[in-house]
Amino acid sequence: MRGDIETYFEDGRWKNRVEGNDQASSTHLNKEEASADGREMAIVHAVDHITRNRDGTISEHDVYPRGRDPHTGGGVTRAHRR
């Protein structure tokens, strides 16, 4: 996987996709579930996870560097959080 994971709202649903793709990888009823799923995808692929608000603005931008395991207490860098 090359692109970062984006969690966004579209057509009444929260979705995740690899940035640059038109099609969603997953859809969810609420932001919390979508964000948790997007976070796991980003961790597995060691890419950034960008969470957007309903209006498209960025609410969180987390960085998951390759070779660090955030499940054991390290690895996430908060690049941007609102």
Protein backbone atom coordinates (compact mmCIF):
# COMPACT_ATOMS: atom_id res chain seq x y z
CA MET A 1 0.00 0.00 0.00
CA ARG A 2 1.41 3.37 -0.95
CA GLY A 3 -1.13 5.99 0.13
CA ASP A 4 -2.18 7.22 3.52
CA ILE A 5 -5.53 6.18 5.00
CA GLU A 6 -8.27 8.79 5.02
CA THR A 7 -11.42 8.64 7.18
CA TYR A 8 -14.14 10.92 5.77
CA PHE A 9 -17.92 11.50 5.59
CA GLU A 10 -19.80 11.04 2.32
CA ASP A 11 -23.40 10.24 1.38
CA GLY A 12 -24.52 9.88 4.99
CA ARG A 13 -21.80 7.34 5.93
CA TRP A 14 -18.32 7.43 7.42
CA LYS A 15 -15.78 5.81 5.12
CA ASN A 16 -12.11 4.86 4.84
CA ARG A 17 -10.03 4.85 1.70
CA VAL A 18 -6.45 4.89 0.58
CA GLU A 19 -5.71 8.47 -0.47
CA GLY A 20 -5.92 8.78 -4.23
CA ASN A 21 -8.50 6.01 -4.59
CA ASP A 22 -12.06 6.90 -5.54
CA GLN A 23 -13.63 3.84 -3.91
CA ALA A 24 -13.94 3.40 -0.14
CA SER A 25 -12.23 0.44 1.53
CA SER A 26 -14.87 0.34 4.28
CA THR A 27 -18.07 2.12 5.37
CA HIS A 28 -19.40 2.73 8.89
CA LEU A 29 -22.40 4.23 10.67
CA ASN A 30 -20.35 6.52 12.89
CA LYS A 31 -17.05 8.39 12.95
CA GLU A 32 -15.65 6.48 15.93
CA GLU A 33 -15.94 3.07 14.23
CA ALA A 34 -14.59 4.39 10.95
CA SER A 35 -11.68 6.10 12.67
CA ALA A 36 -10.77 2.96 14.65
CA ASP A 37 -10.83 0.87 11.47
CA GLY A 38 -8.79 3.46 9.56
CA ARG A 39 -6.25 3.62 12.39
CA GLU A 40 -5.76 -0.16 12.28
CA MET A 41 -5.30 -0.04 8.50
CA ALA A 42 -2.68 2.70 8.88
CA ILE A 43 -0.82 0.80 11.61
CA VAL A 44 -0.68 -2.40 9.56
CA HIS A 45 0.64 -0.57 6.50
CA ALA A 46 2.83 1.96 8.41
CA VAL A 47 1.22 4.98 6.76
CA ASP A 48 -0.44 8.16 8.03
CA HIS A 49 -4.07 8.18 9.16
CA ILE A 50 -5.99 11.36 8.35
CA THR A 51 -9.41 11.83 9.95
CA ARG A 52 -11.68 14.51 8.54
CA ASN A 53 -14.73 16.27 9.97
CA ARG A 54 -18.06 16.23 8.11
CA ASP A 55 -17.07 19.48 6.38
CA GLY A 56 -13.83 17.94 5.07
CA THR A 57 -11.44 19.76 7.39
CA ILE A 58 -8.78 17.64 9.10
CA SER A 59 -9.55 16.79 12.73
CA GLU A 60 -6.60 14.42 13.31
CA HIS A 61 -3.45 13.41 11.46
CA ASP A 62 -1.55 10.52 13.02
CA VAL A 63 1.75 9.15 11.71
CA TYR A 64 2.59 5.45 12.10
CA PRO A 65 6.25 4.99 11.17
CA ARG A 66 7.47 1.67 9.83
CA GLY A 67 9.23 -0.49 12.39
CA ARG A 68 7.47 0.87 15.48
CA ASP A 69 4.54 -0.87 17.13
CA PRO A 70 1.97 1.56 18.60
CA HIS A 71 0.24 -1.36 20.33
CA THR A 72 3.19 -1.61 22.73
CA GLY A 73 3.26 2.01 23.81
CA GLY A 74 5.18 3.73 21.02
CA GLY A 75 4.93 4.60 17.41
CA VAL A 76 2.23 7.20 16.97
CA THR A 77 3.13 10.79 16.29
CA ARG A 78 0.37 13.37 16.38
CA ALA A 79 1.11 15.49 13.34
CA HIS A 80 -2.10 17.49 13.60
CA ARG A 81 -5.05 17.40 15.96
CA ARG A 82 -8.06 19.71 16.29
